[in-house]
Amino acid sequence: MWVERDGVRINYSLIGDGPTVILHTGGAGDGAMWQEHLPYLRDFRLVLIDHRGRGASSQPTTLSGHAMIEYVSDVVAVVAELAVRRVGFVGYSMGAHIGYELAATRPDLIASLVGLGVTREIVPQPDEDVALAALVREHGMVALVNLVEEEERIALPEWLTQQFLDTNAEQFALSLEALKDWSVWPCFARIECPTLIVAGEAEDPPHLNAVAATKIALAQAVWLPGLGHVGAFLAAREQCQLIEPHLRSTLR
């Protein structure tokens, strides 16, 4: 299935029955990246989005095509196509930040929010984003795989490695560059829905997520011991032991 907005097609698929929950991945990967989470979220109608530039969705070639407002508006268009009043939203990495912006600007749509991954620093670090964009442009997405495995001291499973490698390097780089100066922190005070923030302990040593949670009216931050950014995502069962009851208790 797909929805078209301003000439950009957004592909998505539906799995299961129950309250509607959007699943949104980050800079690399598409909707199929949630495969390990699906068995633990059987009581919901899950909407797996290939966000712009990923999977079967269109690939905008300009920086403006990857602005935060575009990613947010794509989700709004999908929700409108589904003809539901309010939804839950689970976002990983960049997808979590899209969720924060969405909940802040469209509180009428988001009934429950889960952000997976560490919150961006209070002061954006654009040089880091630009450097990573240059790295994948020069060496391809295998450079991201190598970087993750080296930094987190893990071997990525074959299916996740393939998800990363199948991501268009230029689209990944464009999203990094387009969002490099964007700050999530103004969003938090405007988020009204119950919010769960989950990160790996190793990716958030300064506990930025704890600070973020204090700025959201109804929020809780939890850390998975010893895990990094990708390692925490791979701990699907442990994540869903937190995600599932949060969604169940906050979606009606």
C-alpha atoms as a PDB file:
ATOM      1  CA  MET A   1       0.000   0.000   0.000  1.00  0.00           C
ATOM      2  CA  TRP A   2       1.086   3.555  -0.502  1.00  0.00           C
ATOM      3  CA  VAL A   3       0.010   7.173  -0.145  1.00  0.00           C
ATOM      4  CA  GLU A   4       1.206  10.036  -2.352  1.00  0.00           C
ATOM      5  CA  ARG A   5       1.933  13.543  -1.059  1.00  0.00           C
ATOM      6  CA  ASP A   6       3.427  16.340  -3.157  1.00  0.00           C
ATOM      7  CA  GLY A   7       4.660  13.839  -5.718  1.00  0.00           C
ATOM      8  CA  VAL A   8       6.354  11.577  -3.146  1.00  0.00           C
ATOM      9  CA  ARG A   9       4.995   8.075  -2.626  1.00  0.00           C
ATOM     10  CA  ILE A  10       5.227   6.578   0.852  1.00  0.00           C
ATOM     11  CA  ASN A  11       4.971   2.808   0.971  1.00  0.00           C
ATOM     12  CA  TYR A  12       3.549   1.076   4.029  1.00  0.00           C
ATOM     13  CA  SER A  13       2.146  -2.279   5.089  1.00  0.00           C
ATOM     14  CA  LEU A  14      -0.403  -3.344   7.703  1.00  0.00           C
ATOM     15  CA  ILE A  15      -0.055  -6.287  10.070  1.00  0.00           C
ATOM     16  CA  GLY A  16      -2.483  -7.466  12.747  1.00  0.00           C
ATOM     17  CA  ASP A  17      -5.623  -6.103  14.370  1.00  0.00           C
ATOM     18  CA  GLY A  18      -6.266  -3.789  17.293  1.00  0.00           C
ATOM     19  CA  PRO A  19      -5.347  -0.198  18.099  1.00  0.00           C
ATOM     20  CA  THR A  20      -3.284   1.340  15.304  1.00  0.00           C
ATOM     21  CA  VAL A  21       0.448   1.814  15.949  1.00  0.00           C
ATOM     22  CA  ILE A  22       2.916   3.397  13.520  1.00  0.00           C
ATOM     23  CA  LEU A  23       6.405   1.807  13.456  1.00  0.00           C
ATOM     24  CA  HIS A  24       9.036   4.189  12.051  1.00  0.00           C
ATOM     25  CA  THR A  25      12.717   3.310  11.669  1.00  0.00           C
ATOM     26  CA  GLY A  26      15.712   5.642  11.505  1.00  0.00           C
ATOM     27  CA  GLY A  27      18.340   6.739   9.016  1.00  0.00           C
ATOM     28  CA  ALA A  28      19.026   3.230   7.722  1.00  0.00           C
ATOM     29  CA  GLY A  29      16.537   0.475   7.022  1.00  0.00           C
ATOM     30  CA  ASP A  30      12.877   0.328   6.036  1.00  0.00           C
ATOM     31  CA  GLY A  31       9.659  -1.021   7.497  1.00  0.00           C
ATOM     32  CA  ALA A  32      10.895  -4.617   7.339  1.00  0.00           C
ATOM     33  CA  MET A  33      13.492  -3.768   9.978  1.00  0.00           C
ATOM     34  CA  TRP A  34      10.866  -4.398  12.696  1.00  0.00           C
ATOM     35  CA  GLN A  35      10.717  -8.125  11.993  1.00  0.00           C
ATOM     36  CA  GLU A  36      12.089  -9.122  15.386  1.00  0.00           C
ATOM     37  CA  HIS A  37       9.576  -6.904  17.229  1.00  0.00           C
ATOM     38  CA  LEU A  38       6.440  -8.145  15.464  1.00  0.00           C
ATOM     39  CA  PRO A  39       5.875 -11.354  17.495  1.00  0.00           C
ATOM     40  CA  TYR A  40       5.689  -9.316  20.694  1.00  0.00           C
ATOM     41  CA  LEU A  41       3.180  -6.743  19.418  1.00  0.00           C
ATOM     42  CA  ARG A  42       0.382  -9.025  18.223  1.00  0.00           C
ATOM     43  CA  ASP A  43      -2.453  -7.093  19.892  1.00  0.00           C
ATOM     44  CA  PHE A  44      -2.084  -4.041  17.641  1.00  0.00           C
ATOM     45  CA  ARG A  45      -2.642  -3.092  14.020  1.00  0.00           C
ATOM     46  CA  LEU A  46       0.932  -2.259  13.075  1.00  0.00           C
ATOM     47  CA  VAL A  47       1.739   0.181  10.291  1.00  0.00           C
ATOM     48  CA  LEU A  48       5.239  -0.461   8.942  1.00  0.00           C
ATOM     49  CA  ILE A  49       6.374   2.610   7.028  1.00  0.00           C
ATOM     50  CA  ASP A  50       9.122   2.821   4.430  1.00  0.00           C
ATOM     51  CA  HIS A  51       9.865   6.471   5.116  1.00  0.00           C
ATOM     52  CA  ARG A  52      10.964   8.676   2.231  1.00  0.00           C
ATOM     53  CA  GLY A  53      14.233   7.572   0.693  1.00  0.00           C
ATOM     54  CA  ARG A  54      13.940   4.041   2.083  1.00  0.00           C
ATOM     55  CA  GLY A  55      12.498   0.767   0.888  1.00  0.00           C
ATOM     56  CA  ALA A  56       9.866   1.118  -1.822  1.00  0.00           C
ATOM     57  CA  SER A  57       9.143   4.786  -1.102  1.00  0.00           C
ATOM     58  CA  SER A  58      10.231   7.681  -3.323  1.00  0.00           C
ATOM     59  CA  GLN A  59      13.750   9.096  -3.012  1.00  0.00           C
ATOM     60  CA  PRO A  60      13.794  12.913  -2.942  1.00  0.00           C
ATOM     61  CA  THR A  61      17.119  14.244  -4.227  1.00  0.00           C
ATOM     62  CA  THR A  62      17.194  17.645  -2.485  1.00  0.00           C
ATOM     63  CA  LEU A  63      17.959  18.685   1.073  1.00  0.00           C
ATOM     64  CA  SER A  64      14.551  20.334   1.338  1.00  0.00           C
ATOM     65  CA  GLY A  65      12.993  16.992   0.462  1.00  0.00           C
ATOM     66  CA  HIS A  66      14.427  15.596   3.696  1.00  0.00           C
ATOM     67  CA  ALA A  67      13.402  18.397   6.053  1.00  0.00           C
ATOM     68  CA  MET A  68      11.761  17.346   9.312  1.00  0.00           C
ATOM     69  CA  ILE A  69       8.419  18.772   8.215  1.00  0.00           C
ATOM     70  CA  GLU A  70       8.420  16.420   5.223  1.00  0.00           C
ATOM     71  CA  TYR A  71       8.942  13.287   7.307  1.00  0.00           C
ATOM     72  CA  VAL A  72       6.270  14.401   9.757  1.00  0.00           C
ATOM     73  CA  SER A  73       3.801  15.281   7.008  1.00  0.00           C
ATOM     74  CA  ASP A  74       4.320  11.864   5.425  1.00  0.00           C
ATOM     75  CA  VAL A  75       3.171  10.174   8.639  1.00  0.00           C
ATOM     76  CA  VAL A  76       0.172  12.513   8.844  1.00  0.00           C
ATOM     77  CA  ALA A  77      -0.749  11.527   5.282  1.00  0.00           C
ATOM     78  CA  VAL A  78      -0.530   7.817   6.121  1.00  0.00           C
ATOM     79  CA  VAL A  79      -2.731   8.287   9.194  1.00  0.00           C
ATOM     80  CA  ALA A  80      -5.276  10.181   7.086  1.00  0.00           C
ATOM     81  CA  GLU A  81      -5.274   7.356   4.536  1.00  0.00           C
ATOM     82  CA  LEU A  82      -5.971   4.849   7.314  1.00  0.00           C
ATOM     83  CA  ALA A  83      -8.992   6.905   8.414  1.00  0.00           C
ATOM     84  CA  VAL A  84      -8.252   6.574  12.134  1.00  0.00           C
ATOM     85  CA  ARG A  85      -8.606   9.360  14.653  1.00  0.00           C
ATOM     86  CA  ARG A  86      -5.527   8.797  16.829  1.00  0.00           C
ATOM     87  CA  VAL A  87      -2.619   6.372  16.784  1.00  0.00           C
ATOM     88  CA  GLY A  88       0.308   5.147  18.785  1.00  0.00           C
ATOM     89  CA  PHE A  89       3.775   5.883  17.417  1.00  0.00           C
ATOM     90  CA  VAL A  90       6.987   3.913  17.973  1.00  0.00           C
ATOM     91  CA  GLY A  91      10.085   5.446  16.432  1.00  0.00           C
ATOM     92  CA  TYR A  92      13.685   4.270  16.438  1.00  0.00           C
ATOM     93  CA  SER A  93      16.667   6.640  16.216  1.00  0.00           C
ATOM     94  CA  MET A  94      15.779   9.358  13.684  1.00  0.00           C
ATOM     95  CA  GLY A  95      12.280   7.901  13.742  1.00  0.00           C
ATOM     96  CA  ALA A  96      12.028   8.713  17.450  1.00  0.00           C
ATOM     97  CA  HIS A  97      12.810  12.355  16.734  1.00  0.00           C
ATOM     98  CA  ILE A  98      10.191  12.406  14.004  1.00  0.00           C
ATOM     99  CA  GLY A  99       7.778  11.068  16.624  1.00  0.00           C
ATOM    100  CA  TYR A 100       8.663  13.840  19.083  1.00  0.00           C
ATOM    101  CA  GLU A 101       8.104  16.503  16.431  1.00  0.00           C
ATOM    102  CA  LEU A 102       4.870  14.843  15.360  1.00  0.00           C
ATOM    103  CA  ALA A 103       3.525  14.597  18.915  1.00  0.00           C
ATOM    104  CA  ALA A 104       4.450  18.235  19.566  1.00  0.00           C
ATOM    105  CA  THR A 105       2.872  19.636  16.411  1.00  0.00           C
ATOM    106  CA  ARG A 106      -0.085  17.241  16.000  1.00  0.00           C
ATOM    107  CA  PRO A 107      -1.187  16.243  19.511  1.00  0.00           C
ATOM    108  CA  ASP A 108      -4.615  15.508  18.053  1.00  0.00           C
ATOM    109  CA  LEU A 109      -3.152  12.517  16.179  1.00  0.00           C
ATOM    110  CA  ILE A 110      -0.734  10.931  18.646  1.00  0.00           C
ATOM    111  CA  ALA A 111      -2.287   9.172  21.636  1.00  0.00           C
ATOM    112  CA  SER A 112       0.818   7.317  22.802  1.00  0.00           C
ATOM    113  CA  LEU A 113       4.507   7.722  21.974  1.00  0.00           C
ATOM    114  CA  VAL A 114       7.601   5.536  22.266  1.00  0.00           C
ATOM    115  CA  GLY A 115      11.061   6.853  21.399  1.00  0.00           C
ATOM    116  CA  LEU A 116      13.837   4.262  21.002  1.00  0.00           C
ATOM    117  CA  GLY A 117      17.385   5.590  21.196  1.00  0.00           C
ATOM    118  CA  VAL A 118      19.227   8.435  22.829  1.00  0.00           C
ATOM    119  CA  THR A 119      17.879  11.965  22.495  1.00  0.00           C
ATOM    120  CA  ARG A 120      19.959  14.303  20.353  1.00  0.00           C
ATOM    121  CA  GLU A 121      22.246  16.576  22.348  1.00  0.00           C
ATOM    122  CA  ILE A 122      20.830  19.863  23.610  1.00  0.00           C
ATOM    123  CA  VAL A 123      23.241  21.708  21.336  1.00  0.00           C
ATOM    124  CA  PRO A 124      23.211  20.038  17.880  1.00  0.00           C
ATOM    125  CA  GLN A 125      26.514  18.584  16.648  1.00  0.00           C
ATOM    126  CA  PRO A 126      26.284  19.243  12.894  1.00  0.00           C
ATOM    127  CA  ASP A 127      29.941  18.406  12.247  1.00  0.00           C
ATOM    128  CA  GLU A 128      29.338  14.803  13.328  1.00  0.00           C
ATOM    129  CA  ASP A 129      26.377  14.459  10.975  1.00  0.00           C
ATOM    130  CA  VAL A 130      28.298  15.992   8.075  1.00  0.00           C
ATOM    131  CA  ALA A 131      31.270  13.696   8.713  1.00  0.00           C
ATOM    132  CA  LEU A 132      29.059  10.583   8.736  1.00  0.00           C
ATOM    133  CA  ALA A 133      27.336  11.738   5.543  1.00  0.00           C
ATOM    134  CA  ALA A 134      30.728  12.131   3.856  1.00  0.00           C
ATOM    135  CA  LEU A 135      31.832   8.702   5.097  1.00  0.00           C
ATOM    136  CA  VAL A 136      28.900   6.815   3.574  1.00  0.00           C
ATOM    137  CA  ARG A 137      29.100   8.810   0.344  1.00  0.00           C
ATOM    138  CA  GLU A 138      32.731   7.773  -0.069  1.00  0.00           C
ATOM    139  CA  HIS A 139      32.587   4.183   1.138  1.00  0.00           C
ATOM    140  CA  GLY A 140      28.918   3.204   0.943  1.00  0.00           C
ATOM    141  CA  MET A 141      26.675   1.873   3.677  1.00  0.00           C
ATOM    142  CA  VAL A 142      29.180  -0.858   4.526  1.00  0.00           C
ATOM    143  CA  ALA A 143      31.048   1.933   6.318  1.00  0.00           C
ATOM    144  CA  LEU A 144      28.062   2.343   8.662  1.00  0.00           C
ATOM    145  CA  VAL A 145      27.963  -1.395   9.319  1.00  0.00           C
ATOM    146  CA  ASN A 146      31.687  -1.388  10.152  1.00  0.00           C
ATOM    147  CA  LEU A 147      31.322   1.693  12.355  1.00  0.00           C
ATOM    148  CA  VAL A 148      28.478   0.190  14.390  1.00  0.00           C
ATOM    149  CA  GLU A 149      30.233  -3.134  14.843  1.00  0.00           C
ATOM    150  CA  GLU A 150      33.457  -1.435  15.926  1.00  0.00           C
ATOM    151  CA  GLU A 151      31.858   1.085  18.295  1.00  0.00           C
ATOM    152  CA  GLU A 152      29.432  -1.358  19.918  1.00  0.00           C
ATOM    153  CA  ARG A 153      31.676  -4.430  19.697  1.00  0.00           C
ATOM    154  CA  ILE A 154      28.927  -6.548  18.207  1.00  0.00           C
ATOM    155  CA  ALA A 155      28.429  -8.507  14.991  1.00  0.00           C
ATOM    156  CA  LEU A 156      25.253  -7.426  13.235  1.00  0.00           C
ATOM    157  CA  PRO A 157      22.956 -10.256  12.177  1.00  0.00           C
ATOM    158  CA  GLU A 158      22.795 -10.872   8.450  1.00  0.00           C
ATOM    159  CA  TRP A 159      19.243  -9.530   8.097  1.00  0.00           C
ATOM    160  CA  LEU A 160      20.108  -6.193   9.719  1.00  0.00           C
ATOM    161  CA  THR A 161      23.364  -5.875   7.789  1.00  0.00           C
ATOM    162  CA  GLN A 162      21.343  -6.341   4.595  1.00  0.00           C
ATOM    163  CA  GLN A 163      18.852  -3.689   5.737  1.00  0.00           C
ATOM    164  CA  PHE A 164      21.713  -1.222   6.135  1.00  0.00           C
ATOM    165  CA  LEU A 165      23.360  -2.188   2.847  1.00  0.00           C
ATOM    166  CA  ASP A 166      20.068  -1.897   0.957  1.00  0.00           C
ATOM    167  CA  THR A 167      19.654   1.702   2.169  1.00  0.00           C
ATOM    168  CA  ASN A 168      20.597   4.239  -0.490  1.00  0.00           C
ATOM    169  CA  ALA A 169      23.768   5.956   0.799  1.00  0.00           C
ATOM    170  CA  GLU A 170      22.878   9.299  -0.780  1.00  0.00           C
ATOM    171  CA  GLN A 171      19.415   9.290   0.816  1.00  0.00           C
ATOM    172  CA  PHE A 172      20.979   8.473   4.186  1.00  0.00           C
ATOM    173  CA  ALA A 173      23.493  11.295   3.746  1.00  0.00           C
ATOM    174  CA  LEU A 174      20.828  13.800   2.670  1.00  0.00           C
ATOM    175  CA  SER A 175      18.726  13.101   5.757  1.00  0.00           C
ATOM    176  CA  LEU A 176      21.758  13.636   8.007  1.00  0.00           C
ATOM    177  CA  GLU A 177      22.562  16.937   6.339  1.00  0.00           C
ATOM    178  CA  ALA A 178      18.963  18.147   6.256  1.00  0.00           C
ATOM    179  CA  LEU A 179      18.447  17.521   9.980  1.00  0.00           C
ATOM    180  CA  LYS A 180      21.886  18.465  11.265  1.00  0.00           C
ATOM    181  CA  ASP A 181      20.783  21.810  12.737  1.00  0.00           C
ATOM    182  CA  TRP A 182      17.371  20.663  13.925  1.00  0.00           C
ATOM    183  CA  SER A 183      16.872  20.454  17.705  1.00  0.00           C
ATOM    184  CA  VAL A 184      14.380  18.182  19.407  1.00  0.00           C
ATOM    185  CA  TRP A 185      14.414  20.017  22.716  1.00  0.00           C
ATOM    186  CA  PRO A 186      11.740  22.634  21.936  1.00  0.00           C
ATOM    187  CA  CYS A 187       9.343  19.753  21.200  1.00  0.00           C
ATOM    188  CA  PHE A 188       9.301  18.245  24.656  1.00  0.00           C
ATOM    189  CA  ALA A 189       7.288  20.874  26.513  1.00  0.00           C
ATOM    190  CA  ARG A 190       4.533  20.573  23.881  1.00  0.00           C
ATOM    191  CA  ILE A 191       4.135  16.793  24.021  1.00  0.00           C
ATOM    192  CA  GLU A 192       0.898  15.925  25.808  1.00  0.00           C
ATOM    193  CA  CYS A 193       0.598  12.171  25.291  1.00  0.00           C
ATOM    194  CA  PRO A 194       2.062   9.465  27.555  1.00  0.00           C
ATOM    195  CA  THR A 195       5.640   8.907  26.402  1.00  0.00           C
ATOM    196  CA  LEU A 196       8.144   6.107  26.943  1.00  0.00           C
ATOM    197  CA  ILE A 197      11.816   6.680  26.083  1.00  0.00           C
ATOM    198  CA  VAL A 198      14.038   3.596  25.845  1.00  0.00           C
ATOM    199  CA  ALA A 199      17.773   3.587  25.181  1.00  0.00           C
ATOM    200  CA  GLY A 200      20.763   1.344  25.602  1.00  0.00           C
ATOM    201  CA  GLU A 201      22.749   2.231  28.692  1.00  0.00           C
ATOM    202  CA  ALA A 202      25.963   2.525  26.671  1.00  0.00           C
ATOM    203  CA  GLU A 203      24.516   5.014  24.166  1.00  0.00           C
ATOM    204  CA  ASP A 204      23.349   7.483  26.820  1.00  0.00           C
ATOM    205  CA  PRO A 205      26.038   7.779  29.518  1.00  0.00           C
ATOM    206  CA  PRO A 206      25.051  11.381  30.397  1.00  0.00           C
ATOM    207  CA  HIS A 207      21.397  10.268  30.732  1.00  0.00           C
ATOM    208  CA  LEU A 208      20.112  12.856  28.281  1.00  0.00           C
ATOM    209  CA  ASN A 209      16.914  10.836  28.099  1.00  0.00           C
ATOM    210  CA  ALA A 210      16.326  11.444  31.799  1.00  0.00           C
ATOM    211  CA  VAL A 211      16.521  15.187  31.177  1.00  0.00           C
ATOM    212  CA  ALA A 212      14.178  14.869  28.209  1.00  0.00           C
ATOM    213  CA  ALA A 213      11.660  12.919  30.296  1.00  0.00           C
ATOM    214  CA  THR A 214      11.510  15.688  32.899  1.00  0.00           C
ATOM    215  CA  LYS A 215      10.436  18.135  30.192  1.00  0.00           C
ATOM    216  CA  ILE A 216       7.536  16.002  28.905  1.00  0.00           C
ATOM    217  CA  ALA A 217       4.342  16.101  30.937  1.00  0.00           C
ATOM    218  CA  LEU A 218       3.808  12.314  31.064  1.00  0.00           C
ATOM    219  CA  ALA A 219       7.101  10.568  30.371  1.00  0.00           C
ATOM    220  CA  GLN A 220       9.333   7.781  31.613  1.00  0.00           C
ATOM    221  CA  ALA A 221      12.898   6.989  30.571  1.00  0.00           C
ATOM    222  CA  VAL A 222      14.318   3.455  30.773  1.00  0.00           C
ATOM    223  CA  TRP A 223      17.768   2.077  29.867  1.00  0.00           C
ATOM    224  CA  LEU A 224      18.699  -1.447  28.764  1.00  0.00           C
ATOM    225  CA  PRO A 225      21.897  -2.400  30.618  1.00  0.00           C
ATOM    226  CA  GLY A 226      25.168  -2.653  28.712  1.00  0.00           C
ATOM    227  CA  LEU A 227      23.743  -2.061  25.241  1.00  0.00           C
ATOM    228  CA  GLY A 228      24.497   0.529  22.574  1.00  0.00           C
ATOM    229  CA  HIS A 229      22.236   2.200  20.050  1.00  0.00           C
ATOM    230  CA  VAL A 230      21.896  -0.728  17.642  1.00  0.00           C
ATOM    231  CA  GLY A 231      22.386  -3.401  20.274  1.00  0.00           C
ATOM    232  CA  ALA A 232      19.356  -2.083  22.143  1.00  0.00           C
ATOM    233  CA  PHE A 233      17.246  -2.246  18.979  1.00  0.00           C
ATOM    234  CA  LEU A 234      18.331  -5.848  18.468  1.00  0.00           C
ATOM    235  CA  ALA A 235      17.082  -6.657  21.985  1.00  0.00           C
ATOM    236  CA  ALA A 236      13.550  -6.754  20.582  1.00  0.00           C
ATOM    237  CA  ARG A 237      12.060  -8.905  23.327  1.00  0.00           C
ATOM    238  CA  GLU A 238      13.438  -6.694  26.092  1.00  0.00           C
ATOM    239  CA  GLN A 239      12.290  -3.546  24.296  1.00  0.00           C
ATOM    240  CA  CYS A 240       8.817  -4.942  23.711  1.00  0.00           C
ATOM    241  CA  GLN A 241       8.484  -5.942  27.362  1.00  0.00           C
ATOM    242  CA  LEU A 242       8.474  -2.172  27.905  1.00  0.00           C
ATOM    243  CA  ILE A 243       6.717  -1.057  24.723  1.00  0.00           C
ATOM    244  CA  GLU A 244       3.751  -3.437  24.770  1.00  0.00           C
ATOM    245  CA  PRO A 245       2.368  -2.557  28.235  1.00  0.00           C
ATOM    246  CA  HIS A 246       2.931   1.137  27.579  1.00  0.00           C
ATOM    247  CA  LEU A 247       0.891   0.998  24.373  1.00  0.00           C
ATOM    248  CA  ARG A 248      -1.750  -1.278  25.860  1.00  0.00           C
ATOM    249  CA  SER A 249      -2.339   1.022  28.833  1.00  0.00           C
ATOM    250  CA  THR A 250      -2.422   4.256  26.830  1.00  0.00           C
ATOM    251  CA  LEU A 251      -4.306   3.317  23.650  1.00  0.00           C
ATOM    252  CA  ARG A 252      -8.065   2.942  23.862  1.00  0.00           C
END
